[in-house]
Each structure stands twice: as C-alpha cells, then as structure tokens.
C-alpha atoms as a PDB file:
ATOM      1  CA  MET A   1     103.326 -12.102-102.107  1.00  0.00           C
ATOM      2  CA  ASN A   2     103.002 -15.899-102.382  1.00  0.00           C
ATOM      3  CA  THR A   3     100.707 -16.504-105.697  1.00  0.00           C
ATOM      4  CA  ASP A   4      99.901 -20.313-103.358  1.00  0.00           C
ATOM      5  CA  ARG A   5      98.128 -18.504-100.925  1.00  0.00           C
ATOM      6  CA  LEU A   6      95.759 -16.575-102.891  1.00  0.00           C
ATOM      7  CA  GLU A   7      95.455 -19.586-104.925  1.00  0.00           C
ATOM      8  CA  LEU A   8      94.334 -21.320-101.722  1.00  0.00           C
ATOM      9  CA  VAL A   9      92.040 -18.245-101.358  1.00  0.00           C
ATOM     10  CA  THR A  10      90.486 -17.659-104.334  1.00  0.00           C
ATOM     11  CA  ARG A  11      90.168 -21.732-105.037  1.00  0.00           C
ATOM     12  CA  ASN A  12      86.977 -23.062-105.614  1.00  0.00           C
ATOM     13  CA  THR A  13      85.097 -19.432-105.122  1.00  0.00           C
ATOM     14  CA  GLU A  14      82.114 -17.615-107.276  1.00  0.00           C
ATOM     15  CA  GLU A  15      83.642 -14.464-106.804  1.00  0.00           C
ATOM     16  CA  VAL A  16      86.227 -11.975-104.857  1.00  0.00           C
ATOM     17  CA  VAL A  17      85.712  -8.627-105.036  1.00  0.00           C
ATOM     18  CA  THR A  18      88.254  -7.013-105.024  1.00  0.00           C
ATOM     19  CA  GLU A  19      91.156  -9.450-106.100  1.00  0.00           C
ATOM     20  CA  SER A  20      93.437  -6.570-106.350  1.00  0.00           C
ATOM     21  CA  GLU A  21      92.914  -5.674-102.519  1.00  0.00           C
ATOM     22  CA  LEU A  22      92.716  -9.479-101.288  1.00  0.00           C
ATOM     23  CA  GLU A  23      96.452  -9.192-103.112  1.00  0.00           C
ATOM     24  CA  GLU A  24      97.363  -5.885-100.716  1.00  0.00           C
ATOM     25  CA  LEU A  25      95.731  -7.806 -97.625  1.00  0.00           C
ATOM     26  CA  LEU A  26      98.006 -10.973 -98.505  1.00  0.00           C
ATOM     27  CA  GLY A  27     101.043  -8.513 -99.027  1.00  0.00           C
ATOM     28  CA  ARG A  28     100.901  -7.113 -95.793  1.00  0.00           C
ATOM     29  CA  GLU A  29     102.915  -8.377 -92.365  1.00  0.00           C
ATOM     30  CA  GLU A  30     100.262  -8.370 -89.859  1.00  0.00           C
ATOM     31  CA  PRO A  31      97.700 -11.512 -90.497  1.00  0.00           C
ATOM     32  CA  PRO A  32      94.486 -10.172 -92.460  1.00  0.00           C
ATOM     33  CA  THR A  33      91.500 -11.042 -90.493  1.00  0.00           C
ATOM     34  CA  ALA A  34      88.231 -12.948 -92.056  1.00  0.00           C
ATOM     35  CA  TYR A  35      84.368 -13.840 -90.746  1.00  0.00           C
ATOM     36  CA  THR A  36      81.446 -15.812 -91.578  1.00  0.00           C
ATOM     37  CA  GLY A  37      78.460 -15.721 -90.000  1.00  0.00           C
ATOM     38  CA  TYR A  38      75.888 -18.649 -89.526  1.00  0.00           C
ATOM     39  CA  GLU A  39      71.730 -18.089 -88.453  1.00  0.00           C
ATOM     40  CA  PRO A  40      71.515 -20.800 -85.851  1.00  0.00           C
ATOM     41  CA  SER A  41      70.406 -23.709 -87.981  1.00  0.00           C
ATOM     42  CA  GLY A  42      68.892 -27.045 -86.136  1.00  0.00           C
ATOM     43  CA  SER A  43      70.458 -29.053 -89.218  1.00  0.00           C
ATOM     44  CA  ILE A  44      73.829 -28.692 -90.282  1.00  0.00           C
ATOM     45  CA  HIS A  45      74.234 -30.105 -93.762  1.00  0.00           C
ATOM     46  CA  LEU A  46      76.956 -29.548 -96.388  1.00  0.00           C
ATOM     47  CA  GLY A  47      75.375 -26.256 -97.159  1.00  0.00           C
ATOM     48  CA  HIS A  48      77.298 -24.860 -94.460  1.00  0.00           C
ATOM     49  CA  MET A  49      80.363 -27.042 -95.145  1.00  0.00           C
ATOM     50  CA  ILE A  50      81.603 -24.895 -98.351  1.00  0.00           C
ATOM     51  CA  THR A  51      81.915 -21.480 -96.146  1.00  0.00           C
ATOM     52  CA  VAL A  52      83.563 -23.774 -93.532  1.00  0.00           C
ATOM     53  CA  ASN A  53      85.747 -25.389 -96.119  1.00  0.00           C
ATOM     54  CA  LYS A  54      86.846 -21.994 -97.487  1.00  0.00           C
ATOM     55  CA  LEU A  55      87.695 -21.180 -93.590  1.00  0.00           C
ATOM     56  CA  ILE A  56      89.692 -23.729 -93.903  1.00  0.00           C
ATOM     57  CA  ASP A  57      91.507 -22.495 -96.610  1.00  0.00           C
ATOM     58  CA  LEU A  58      91.715 -19.317 -95.282  1.00  0.00           C
ATOM     59  CA  GLN A  59      93.647 -20.260 -91.690  1.00  0.00           C
ATOM     60  CA  LYS A  60      96.104 -22.097 -94.234  1.00  0.00           C
ATOM     61  CA  ALA A  61      96.722 -19.278 -95.817  1.00  0.00           C
ATOM     62  CA  GLY A  62      97.252 -16.835 -92.091  1.00  0.00           C
ATOM     63  CA  PHE A  63      94.011 -15.770 -91.502  1.00  0.00           C
ATOM     64  CA  ASP A  64      92.785 -14.669 -87.973  1.00  0.00           C
ATOM     65  CA  ILE A  65      89.121 -16.435 -88.443  1.00  0.00           C
ATOM     66  CA  THR A  66      86.258 -15.431 -86.743  1.00  0.00           C
ATOM     67  CA  VAL A  67      82.922 -17.436 -87.112  1.00  0.00           C
ATOM     68  CA  LEU A  68      80.112 -14.883 -85.561  1.00  0.00           C
ATOM     69  CA  LEU A  69      76.877 -17.420 -84.332  1.00  0.00           C
ATOM     70  CA  ALA A  70      74.221 -14.772 -85.423  1.00  0.00           C
ATOM     71  CA  ASP A  71      71.720 -15.553 -83.002  1.00  0.00           C
ATOM     72  CA  VAL A  72      70.171 -11.986 -83.426  1.00  0.00           C
ATOM     73  CA  HIS A  73      70.184 -12.128 -87.241  1.00  0.00           C
ATOM     74  CA  ALA A  74      68.180 -15.453 -86.364  1.00  0.00           C
ATOM     75  CA  TYR A  75      65.893 -14.028 -84.464  1.00  0.00           C
ATOM     76  CA  LEU A  76      65.027 -10.635 -87.240  1.00  0.00           C
ATOM     77  CA  ASN A  77      64.613 -13.431 -89.785  1.00  0.00           C
ATOM     78  CA  GLU A  78      61.951 -15.551 -87.808  1.00  0.00           C
ATOM     79  CA  LYS A  79      63.994 -18.473 -86.834  1.00  0.00           C
ATOM     80  CA  GLY A  80      62.570 -18.452 -83.492  1.00  0.00           C
ATOM     81  CA  THR A  81      62.855 -17.224 -79.747  1.00  0.00           C
ATOM     82  CA  MET A  82      66.084 -15.727 -78.768  1.00  0.00           C
ATOM     83  CA  GLU A  83      66.144 -18.411 -76.456  1.00  0.00           C
ATOM     84  CA  GLU A  84      64.888 -21.101 -78.758  1.00  0.00           C
ATOM     85  CA  VAL A  85      67.970 -19.251 -81.071  1.00  0.00           C
ATOM     86  CA  SER A  86      70.802 -19.438 -78.430  1.00  0.00           C
ATOM     87  CA  GLU A  87      70.429 -23.065 -77.748  1.00  0.00           C
ATOM     88  CA  ILE A  88      70.491 -24.157 -81.411  1.00  0.00           C
ATOM     89  CA  ALA A  89      74.103 -22.004 -81.594  1.00  0.00           C
ATOM     90  CA  GLU A  90      75.624 -23.479 -78.800  1.00  0.00           C
ATOM     91  CA  TYR A  91      74.816 -26.948 -80.762  1.00  0.00           C
ATOM     92  CA  ASN A  92      76.057 -25.207 -84.369  1.00  0.00           C
ATOM     93  CA  LYS A  93      79.226 -24.291 -82.218  1.00  0.00           C
ATOM     94  CA  ARG A  94      80.300 -28.080 -81.493  1.00  0.00           C
ATOM     95  CA  CYS A  95      79.157 -28.694 -85.155  1.00  0.00           C
ATOM     96  CA  PHE A  96      81.499 -26.316 -86.628  1.00  0.00           C
ATOM     97  CA  ILE A  97      84.597 -27.308 -84.273  1.00  0.00           C
ATOM     98  CA  ALA A  98      83.786 -30.599 -85.235  1.00  0.00           C
ATOM     99  CA  LEU A  99      84.055 -29.872 -89.200  1.00  0.00           C
ATOM    100  CA  GLY A 100      87.329 -28.968 -88.652  1.00  0.00           C
ATOM    101  CA  LEU A 101      87.340 -25.082 -87.415  1.00  0.00           C
ATOM    102  CA  GLU A 102      89.063 -25.670 -84.323  1.00  0.00           C
ATOM    103  CA  GLU A 103      88.292 -23.959 -81.403  1.00  0.00           C
ATOM    104  CA  SER A 104      91.836 -23.215 -80.547  1.00  0.00           C
ATOM    105  CA  ASN A 105      92.523 -20.859 -83.293  1.00  0.00           C
ATOM    106  CA  THR A 106      88.595 -19.404 -84.069  1.00  0.00           C
ATOM    107  CA  ARG A 107      87.144 -17.303 -82.180  1.00  0.00           C
ATOM    108  CA  PHE A 108      83.394 -17.871 -81.808  1.00  0.00           C
ATOM    109  CA  VAL A 109      81.663 -14.783 -81.294  1.00  0.00           C
ATOM    110  CA  PHE A 110      77.465 -14.481 -80.580  1.00  0.00           C
ATOM    111  CA  GLY A 111      75.830 -11.862 -82.356  1.00  0.00           C
ATOM    112  CA  SER A 112      73.936 -10.698 -79.372  1.00  0.00           C
ATOM    113  CA  ASP A 113      77.603 -10.555 -76.967  1.00  0.00           C
ATOM    114  CA  PHE A 114      77.872  -7.239 -78.795  1.00  0.00           C
ATOM    115  CA  GLN A 115      74.956  -5.957 -81.391  1.00  0.00           C
ATOM    116  CA  PHE A 116      72.985  -4.027 -78.341  1.00  0.00           C
ATOM    117  CA  GLU A 117      76.445  -2.198 -77.319  1.00  0.00           C
ATOM    118  CA  GLU A 118      75.413   1.846 -77.658  1.00  0.00           C
ATOM    119  CA  GLU A 119      78.633   2.487 -79.991  1.00  0.00           C
ATOM    120  CA  TYR A 120      77.187  -0.738 -82.222  1.00  0.00           C
ATOM    121  CA  VAL A 121      73.769   0.254 -82.593  1.00  0.00           C
ATOM    122  CA  ILE A 122      75.081   4.389 -83.070  1.00  0.00           C
ATOM    123  CA  ASN A 123      76.334   2.812 -86.182  1.00  0.00           C
ATOM    124  CA  VAL A 124      73.652   0.948 -87.648  1.00  0.00           C
ATOM    125  CA  LEU A 125      71.439   3.806 -86.948  1.00  0.00           C
ATOM    126  CA  ARG A 126      74.265   5.881 -88.568  1.00  0.00           C
ATOM    127  CA  ILE A 127      73.822   4.016 -91.839  1.00  0.00           C
ATOM    128  CA  ALA A 128      70.146   3.507 -91.573  1.00  0.00           C
ATOM    129  CA  THR A 129      70.484   7.514 -92.474  1.00  0.00           C
ATOM    130  CA  SER A 130      72.598   6.899 -95.882  1.00  0.00           C
ATOM    131  CA  ALA A 131      70.903   3.939 -97.442  1.00  0.00           C
ATOM    132  CA  THR A 132      67.827   3.906 -99.272  1.00  0.00           C
ATOM    133  CA  MET A 133      64.815   1.890 -97.942  1.00  0.00           C
ATOM    134  CA  ASN A 134      64.686  -0.205-101.436  1.00  0.00           C
ATOM    135  CA  ARG A 135      68.760  -0.984-101.560  1.00  0.00           C
ATOM    136  CA  ALA A 136      67.927  -2.271 -98.010  1.00  0.00           C
ATOM    137  CA  VAL A 137      65.008  -4.583 -98.984  1.00  0.00           C
ATOM    138  CA  ARG A 138      67.003  -5.797-102.531  1.00  0.00           C
ATOM    139  CA  SER A 139      69.774  -6.901-100.941  1.00  0.00           C
ATOM    140  CA  MET A 140      67.552  -8.982 -98.467  1.00  0.00           C
ATOM    141  CA  ASP A 141      66.050 -10.877-101.451  1.00  0.00           C
ATOM    142  CA  GLU A 142      67.960 -14.031-101.432  1.00  0.00           C
ATOM    143  CA  VAL A 143      68.479 -14.566 -97.380  1.00  0.00           C
ATOM    144  CA  SER A 144      64.863 -13.453 -96.294  1.00  0.00           C
ATOM    145  CA  ARG A 145      62.735 -16.167 -94.962  1.00  0.00           C
ATOM    146  CA  ASN A 146      59.757 -14.298 -95.543  1.00  0.00           C
ATOM    147  CA  ALA A 147      60.064 -12.820 -98.463  1.00  0.00           C
ATOM    148  CA  GLU A 148      55.858 -12.606 -99.250  1.00  0.00           C
ATOM    149  CA  VAL A 149      55.241 -10.113 -96.402  1.00  0.00           C
ATOM    150  CA  ARG A 150      58.195  -7.266 -96.163  1.00  0.00           C
ATOM    151  CA  LYS A 151      58.541  -6.804 -92.056  1.00  0.00           C
ATOM    152  CA  VAL A 152      60.843  -3.736 -91.091  1.00  0.00           C
ATOM    153  CA  SER A 153      63.630  -6.593 -89.308  1.00  0.00           C
ATOM    154  CA  GLN A 154      64.317  -7.310 -92.916  1.00  0.00           C
ATOM    155  CA  VAL A 155      66.015  -4.161 -93.262  1.00  0.00           C
ATOM    156  CA  ILE A 156      67.413  -4.148 -89.779  1.00  0.00           C
ATOM    157  CA  TYR A 157      68.944  -7.056 -90.995  1.00  0.00           C
ATOM    158  CA  PRO A 158      71.644  -6.206 -93.483  1.00  0.00           C
ATOM    159  CA  LEU A 159      72.751  -3.296 -92.173  1.00  0.00           C
ATOM    160  CA  MET A 160      73.190  -5.216 -88.568  1.00  0.00           C
ATOM    161  CA  GLN A 161      75.855  -7.659 -91.135  1.00  0.00           C
ATOM    162  CA  ALA A 162      77.047  -4.511 -92.558  1.00  0.00           C
ATOM    163  CA  VAL A 163      78.129  -2.869 -88.775  1.00  0.00           C
ATOM    164  CA  ASP A 164      79.393  -6.927 -87.927  1.00  0.00           C
ATOM    165  CA  ILE A 165      81.889  -6.331 -90.102  1.00  0.00           C
ATOM    166  CA  VAL A 166      83.532  -2.864 -88.219  1.00  0.00           C
ATOM    167  CA  HIS A 167      82.747  -4.176 -84.710  1.00  0.00           C
ATOM    168  CA  LEU A 168      84.318  -7.512 -85.142  1.00  0.00           C
ATOM    169  CA  LYS A 169      87.443  -5.748 -86.964  1.00  0.00           C
ATOM    170  CA  VAL A 170      88.028  -7.971 -89.915  1.00  0.00           C
ATOM    171  CA  ASP A 171      89.195  -7.287 -93.243  1.00  0.00           C
ATOM    172  CA  VAL A 172      86.701  -9.902 -94.782  1.00  0.00           C
ATOM    173  CA  ALA A 173      83.360 -11.268 -95.455  1.00  0.00           C
ATOM    174  CA  VAL A 174      83.036 -15.024 -96.570  1.00  0.00           C
ATOM    175  CA  GLY A 175      79.570 -15.871 -97.648  1.00  0.00           C
ATOM    176  CA  GLY A 176      78.095 -18.064 -99.973  1.00  0.00           C
ATOM    177  CA  ILE A 177      76.803 -16.150-103.286  1.00  0.00           C
ATOM    178  CA  ASP A 178      73.260 -14.829-101.929  1.00  0.00           C
ATOM    179  CA  GLN A 179      75.032 -12.764-100.008  1.00  0.00           C
ATOM    180  CA  ARG A 180      75.919 -10.783-102.088  1.00  0.00           C
ATOM    181  CA  LYS A 181      73.536  -8.591-102.068  1.00  0.00           C
ATOM    182  CA  ILE A 182      74.004  -7.393 -98.783  1.00  0.00           C
ATOM    183  CA  HIS A 183      78.126  -7.280 -98.899  1.00  0.00           C
ATOM    184  CA  MET A 184      77.819  -4.712-101.449  1.00  0.00           C
ATOM    185  CA  LEU A 185      75.435  -2.624 -99.320  1.00  0.00           C
ATOM    186  CA  ALA A 186      78.472  -3.135 -96.745  1.00  0.00           C
ATOM    187  CA  ARG A 187      80.877  -2.102 -98.963  1.00  0.00           C
ATOM    188  CA  GLU A 188      78.853   0.977-100.200  1.00  0.00           C
ATOM    189  CA  GLU A 189      77.273   2.785 -97.016  1.00  0.00           C
ATOM    190  CA  LEU A 190      80.725   1.724 -94.778  1.00  0.00           C
ATOM    191  CA  PRO A 191      83.081   4.266 -96.294  1.00  0.00           C
ATOM    192  CA  LYS A 192      79.826   6.177 -95.813  1.00  0.00           C
ATOM    193  CA  ILE A 193      80.318   6.264 -91.993  1.00  0.00           C
ATOM    194  CA  GLY A 194      84.495   6.366 -92.269  1.00  0.00           C
ATOM    195  CA  PHE A 195      85.078   2.915 -92.647  1.00  0.00           C
ATOM    196  CA  ARG A 196      87.083   0.530 -94.690  1.00  0.00           C
ATOM    197  CA  ALA A 197      85.532  -1.336 -97.465  1.00  0.00           C
ATOM    198  CA  PRO A 198      85.334  -5.063 -96.729  1.00  0.00           C
ATOM    199  CA  VAL A 199      86.795  -7.767 -99.370  1.00  0.00           C
ATOM    200  CA  CYS A 200      84.306 -10.484-100.356  1.00  0.00           C
ATOM    201  CA  ILE A 201      85.003 -13.676-100.737  1.00  0.00           C
ATOM    202  CA  HIS A 202      81.531 -15.562-101.998  1.00  0.00           C
ATOM    203  CA  THR A 203      81.207 -19.557-102.782  1.00  0.00           C
ATOM    204  CA  PRO A 204      78.952 -21.252-104.320  1.00  0.00           C
ATOM    205  CA  ILE A 205      75.184 -22.094-103.393  1.00  0.00           C
ATOM    206  CA  MET A 206      75.260 -26.001-104.109  1.00  0.00           C
ATOM    207  CA  ALA A 207      72.369 -27.562-106.333  1.00  0.00           C
ATOM    208  CA  GLY A 208      69.593 -30.115-104.191  1.00  0.00           C
ATOM    209  CA  LEU A 209      71.087 -33.777-105.339  1.00  0.00           C
ATOM    210  CA  ASP A 210      68.014 -33.920-107.311  1.00  0.00           C
ATOM    211  CA  GLY A 211      69.387 -31.151-109.424  1.00  0.00           C
ATOM    212  CA  GLU A 212      67.126 -28.593-108.360  1.00  0.00           C
ATOM    213  CA  LYS A 213      67.348 -25.732-105.151  1.00  0.00           C
ATOM    214  CA  MET A 214      68.392 -27.340-102.265  1.00  0.00           C
ATOM    215  CA  SER A 215      65.514 -27.724 -99.591  1.00  0.00           C
ATOM    216  CA  SER A 216      65.025 -28.600 -96.378  1.00  0.00           C
ATOM    217  CA  SER A 217      61.223 -29.816 -97.069  1.00  0.00           C
ATOM    218  CA  LYS A 218      62.522 -32.051-100.127  1.00  0.00           C
ATOM    219  CA  GLY A 219      65.309 -33.433 -98.018  1.00  0.00           C
ATOM    220  CA  ASN A 220      67.153 -32.759-101.164  1.00  0.00           C
ATOM    221  CA  TYR A 221      71.116 -32.652 -98.800  1.00  0.00           C
ATOM    222  CA  ILE A 222      73.284 -34.220 -97.120  1.00  0.00           C
ATOM    223  CA  SER A 223      73.356 -33.646 -93.144  1.00  0.00           C
ATOM    224  CA  MET A 224      75.790 -33.836 -91.039  1.00  0.00           C
ATOM    225  CA  ASP A 225      73.032 -36.414 -88.911  1.00  0.00           C
ATOM    226  CA  ASP A 226      72.590 -38.509 -91.679  1.00  0.00           C
ATOM    227  CA  THR A 227      73.507 -42.408 -91.215  1.00  0.00           C
ATOM    228  CA  ARG A 228      75.712 -44.323 -93.122  1.00  0.00           C
ATOM    229  CA  GLU A 229      72.171 -45.571 -95.166  1.00  0.00           C
ATOM    230  CA  ASP A 230      70.769 -42.275 -95.849  1.00  0.00           C
ATOM    231  CA  VAL A 231      74.145 -41.130 -97.251  1.00  0.00           C
ATOM    232  CA  ASN A 232      74.701 -44.077 -99.576  1.00  0.00           C
ATOM    233  CA  ARG A 233      71.197 -44.217-100.442  1.00  0.00           C
ATOM    234  CA  LYS A 234      70.868 -40.680-100.965  1.00  0.00           C
ATOM    235  CA  ILE A 235      73.747 -40.088-103.467  1.00  0.00           C
ATOM    236  CA  LYS A 236      72.681 -43.347-105.276  1.00  0.00           C
ATOM    237  CA  ASN A 237      69.860 -41.383-106.311  1.00  0.00           C
ATOM    238  CA  ALA A 238      70.896 -38.641-106.987  1.00  0.00           C
ATOM    239  CA  PHE A 239      71.280 -36.960-110.574  1.00  0.00           C
ATOM    240  CA  CYS A 240      73.980 -37.306-112.078  1.00  0.00           C
ATOM    241  CA  PRO A 241      73.968 -37.817-115.873  1.00  0.00           C
ATOM    242  CA  ALA A 242      76.393 -39.396-117.870  1.00  0.00           C
ATOM    243  CA  GLY A 243      79.515 -37.151-119.533  1.00  0.00           C
ATOM    244  CA  VAL A 244      77.554 -33.519-118.027  1.00  0.00           C
ATOM    245  CA  PRO A 245      79.926 -31.953-115.569  1.00  0.00           C
ATOM    246  CA  GLU A 246      77.322 -28.870-115.412  1.00  0.00           C
ATOM    247  CA  ASP A 247      75.113 -28.396-112.700  1.00  0.00           C
ATOM    248  CA  ASN A 248      75.329 -32.197-111.620  1.00  0.00           C
ATOM    249  CA  PRO A 249      75.521 -32.742-107.747  1.00  0.00           C
ATOM    250  CA  ILE A 250      77.699 -35.558-107.834  1.00  0.00           C
ATOM    251  CA  ILE A 251      80.644 -33.992-109.648  1.00  0.00           C
ATOM    252  CA  GLU A 252      79.873 -30.370-107.430  1.00  0.00           C
ATOM    253  CA  LEU A 253      80.145 -33.488-104.382  1.00  0.00           C
ATOM    254  CA  PHE A 254      83.798 -34.099-105.869  1.00  0.00           C
ATOM    255  CA  LYS A 255      85.084 -30.361-106.434  1.00  0.00           C
ATOM    256  CA  TYR A 256      83.805 -28.539-103.052  1.00  0.00           C
ATOM    257  CA  TYR A 257      83.701 -31.048-100.831  1.00  0.00           C
ATOM    258  CA  VAL A 258      86.012 -34.340-102.010  1.00  0.00           C
ATOM    259  CA  PHE A 259      89.425 -33.186-103.111  1.00  0.00           C
ATOM    260  CA  PRO A 260      89.709 -30.409-100.622  1.00  0.00           C
ATOM    261  CA  ARG A 261      90.255 -32.750 -97.648  1.00  0.00           C
ATOM    262  CA  PHE A 262      92.237 -36.044-100.125  1.00  0.00           C
ATOM    263  CA  GLU A 263      94.979 -35.577-102.202  1.00  0.00           C
ATOM    264  CA  THR A 264      93.791 -38.535-104.119  1.00  0.00           C
ATOM    265  CA  VAL A 265      90.357 -40.073-104.867  1.00  0.00           C
ATOM    266  CA  VAL A 266      90.283 -43.936-106.401  1.00  0.00           C
ATOM    267  CA  MET A 267      87.279 -45.560-108.232  1.00  0.00           C
ATOM    268  CA  LYS A 268      87.015 -49.019-107.091  1.00  0.00           C
ATOM    269  CA  ARG A 269      86.011 -50.604-110.538  1.00  0.00           C
ATOM    270  CA  SER A 270      85.976 -54.072-111.397  1.00  0.00           C
ATOM    271  CA  GLU A 271      88.662 -55.509-113.712  1.00  0.00           C
ATOM    272  CA  LYS A 272      85.448 -55.842-116.443  1.00  0.00           C
ATOM    273  CA  TYR A 273      85.393 -52.411-117.046  1.00  0.00           C
ATOM    274  CA  GLY A 274      88.635 -50.883-116.328  1.00  0.00           C
ATOM    275  CA  GLY A 275      90.165 -51.533-113.230  1.00  0.00           C
ATOM    276  CA  ASP A 276      90.845 -48.744-110.238  1.00  0.00           C
ATOM    277  CA  VAL A 277      91.485 -45.386-111.351  1.00  0.00           C
ATOM    278  CA  GLU A 278      93.223 -43.045-109.159  1.00  0.00           C
ATOM    279  CA  TYR A 279      92.710 -39.094-109.953  1.00  0.00           C
ATOM    280  CA  GLY A 280      95.104 -36.819-107.818  1.00  0.00           C
ATOM    281  CA  SER A 281      93.138 -33.551-109.151  1.00  0.00           C
ATOM    282  CA  PHE A 282      89.688 -32.674-109.755  1.00  0.00           C
ATOM    283  CA  ILE A 283      90.371 -31.322-113.336  1.00  0.00           C
ATOM    284  CA  GLU A 284      91.593 -35.327-114.201  1.00  0.00           C
ATOM    285  CA  LEU A 285      88.417 -36.747-112.556  1.00  0.00           C
ATOM    286  CA  GLU A 286      86.411 -33.934-114.410  1.00  0.00           C
ATOM    287  CA  ARG A 287      87.830 -34.688-117.590  1.00  0.00           C
ATOM    288  CA  ASP A 288      87.407 -38.678-117.737  1.00  0.00           C
ATOM    289  CA  PHE A 289      83.502 -38.596-116.838  1.00  0.00           C
ATOM    290  CA  THR A 290      82.674 -35.423-119.197  1.00  0.00           C
ATOM    291  CA  ALA A 291      84.776 -38.096-121.772  1.00  0.00           C
ATOM    292  CA  LYS A 292      82.480 -40.838-120.480  1.00  0.00           C
ATOM    293  CA  LYS A 293      85.902 -42.774-119.292  1.00  0.00           C
ATOM    294  CA  LEU A 294      83.749 -42.736-115.633  1.00  0.00           C
ATOM    295  CA  HIS A 295      80.189 -44.508-115.034  1.00  0.00           C
ATOM    296  CA  PRO A 296      77.878 -41.961-112.907  1.00  0.00           C
ATOM    297  CA  LEU A 297      77.256 -45.232-110.649  1.00  0.00           C
ATOM    298  CA  ASP A 298      81.342 -45.632-110.048  1.00  0.00           C
ATOM    299  CA  LEU A 299      81.416 -42.058-109.813  1.00  0.00           C
ATOM    300  CA  LYS A 300      78.475 -42.138-106.708  1.00  0.00           C
ATOM    301  CA  LYS A 301      79.532 -45.194-105.042  1.00  0.00           C
ATOM    302  CA  ALA A 302      83.134 -43.493-104.737  1.00  0.00           C
ATOM    303  CA  CYS A 303      81.733 -40.505-103.550  1.00  0.00           C
ATOM    304  CA  ALA A 304      79.436 -41.675-101.057  1.00  0.00           C
ATOM    305  CA  SER A 305      82.266 -43.321 -99.843  1.00  0.00           C
ATOM    306  CA  TYR A 306      84.218 -40.439 -98.987  1.00  0.00           C
ATOM    307  CA  ILE A 307      81.169 -38.015 -98.109  1.00  0.00           C
ATOM    308  CA  GLU A 308      80.942 -41.196 -95.204  1.00  0.00           C
ATOM    309  CA  GLU A 309      84.469 -40.490 -94.042  1.00  0.00           C
ATOM    310  CA  ILE A 310      84.263 -37.247 -93.965  1.00  0.00           C
ATOM    311  CA  ILE A 311      80.820 -37.442 -91.975  1.00  0.00           C
ATOM    312  CA  GLU A 312      82.095 -40.010 -89.703  1.00  0.00           C
ATOM    313  CA  ALA A 313      85.450 -38.194 -88.806  1.00  0.00           C
ATOM    314  CA  ILE A 314      82.424 -35.708 -88.018  1.00  0.00           C
ATOM    315  CA  ARG A 315      79.788 -37.643 -85.891  1.00  0.00           C
ATOM    316  CA  SER A 316      83.018 -38.860 -84.022  1.00  0.00           C
ATOM    317  CA  ARG A 317      84.076 -35.343 -82.430  1.00  0.00           C
ATOM    318  CA  MET A 318      80.647 -34.783 -82.029  1.00  0.00           C
ATOM    319  CA  LYS A 319      79.873 -37.026 -79.591  1.00  0.00           C
END
C-alpha cells in the first residue's frame, strides 16, 4: 500500500474508523468506493466544502466517489416539502460540481431515486427490528433539526442512512464528526442483517467566524453566495486572538481550505513589518503565528485574498 495515498485520505480528518480497515481497502486491486450524503440546503457554505475537499482527496487517492443528494432525508428532517427539497437539490448538485467534484468522475444520486424500492424498504425494516429505540434517537442528537420534539421520522432517518451505504455499494462513509453516532449505528447494525460494516471518515466541524457554533441566524460563516465585499468584511471582523491557533477560525480556514488548494501561501507585508513571507505548509504558518511572528491582521488579509480566490472560481463555474 502506498503511504502517500493513506496520508492523503487521512489528512485533516477528525478520526477514521478504523484505520486498519482503510489500509486494507487501499491495498486491494479494485478501486475502493466512498460517499457523502448532503441534505439539500439553500446556502452552500464552507461547512459543506470541508467534506467536498475530503472527497477530492479520496478521488486523488483512487476512490470512486458517490454524492447522495438526500432529498428524502431532508424531508424527514423538516427541511421543506418534497417538491421544495428536490428543487434545492438540483441547485446543490451544480454547487458541488463547481466546488471541484466534476460530474464526469463523480456519481450524483438522489435519495428518492432508490429509497422507495421494495428491497431498500425491507432492509430498513430489518434494521428496525434490531436497533433499539434509544440507540436510534441518540444517533440523531447532533443532526436533528428539531431536538425538542422527537418525531418518528427522526428514528427512521438514521436507519435509512445505514441502508444507503448498502444500496449505494460503497466501502467508506464520509461525513462531519456530527455524523459519528449515525455511522456507528450503521457499523453495529449492518452486519446483523448480513452486510459489511463501512469504514467511516469524519471531518471536523468548523467554528463560526466569531468563534461560536456556526449558525445561519448569526451569519457567522462564508457562503458561496457572498460577494468579495462580504468575504473581506466577515474575515476582517473574525475572531483571531494573537498567538492562539486553537479554536481560531482564521487558522482553521488556512488549514482546511487554503492549503489543500494552494501549494504555497504568501503573506504580503510592508518592509516595516518584515516584508512578504512565503509558507510551503500549514505547519510552518501555524508555528510562526503561535510565536507571534505573524500579526492577526496580516493573517486575515491573506486569508481573505485566498478564500475570495477560491469562491471566485466557484462563482465563475456557476454562471
């Protein structure tokens, strides 16, 4: 097995369950397969891009990729009527292609294309006879739209997500760490009905630009719909304590978005403050910031420039 492939697949991840199973997949002759499911959303933002970046890493490592446009799941999670959700899903597909998942080498599948088929429904019912109510409810703690009032749909949701893995014929489930409980339910229950447990790759959940939880009501994130002025303003006002890389949203933007897409990063500074400095890796940048050799304002200016370059490329593909 090529260690470079393993490093590419596992970089910028929160955890891999399990790495030994992943290594086994990478060692076989036929291409391994992976998927991520996205509930259709009206605003695609950098929170979505972190898993897209991971899917791109997997493609480079030789994986065949499937993106599930989870319209039925979105309906169950009270995101709108089926008609509304389906319309948004078409828009999201265009967004994901613009983010770098080219349609020619990515399989896009709508949940409603297969989730009403008899075999699929029977497998959901089979898991329903095995999984406990408490286990299913707890698995939705991090992703449920309405955690205050439990609906039966919230129990069906994770069972369907487990069966998606079987019917999409994928080896690896990719998602944010908020998907962990659902993925662990799948690993536990699928072998009970005769299917292999998936390898699970989890990416971090990004903090909002204010250092708090990312929230649409606060607008503390960068959206693909933001203008250049929006990007500059949001990053200028972002939380970025000097010399503190932990839980720093600007540092996270460099780690998870800028360096995966740029080989080198240049901080443009006046000669008065040391002149321009170039970094070939995130580790070098983090080291200088921690040592207070990089001022937060310089970091923010460079961050805004690179993030805007990424988003402008996406905007141009969406036209």
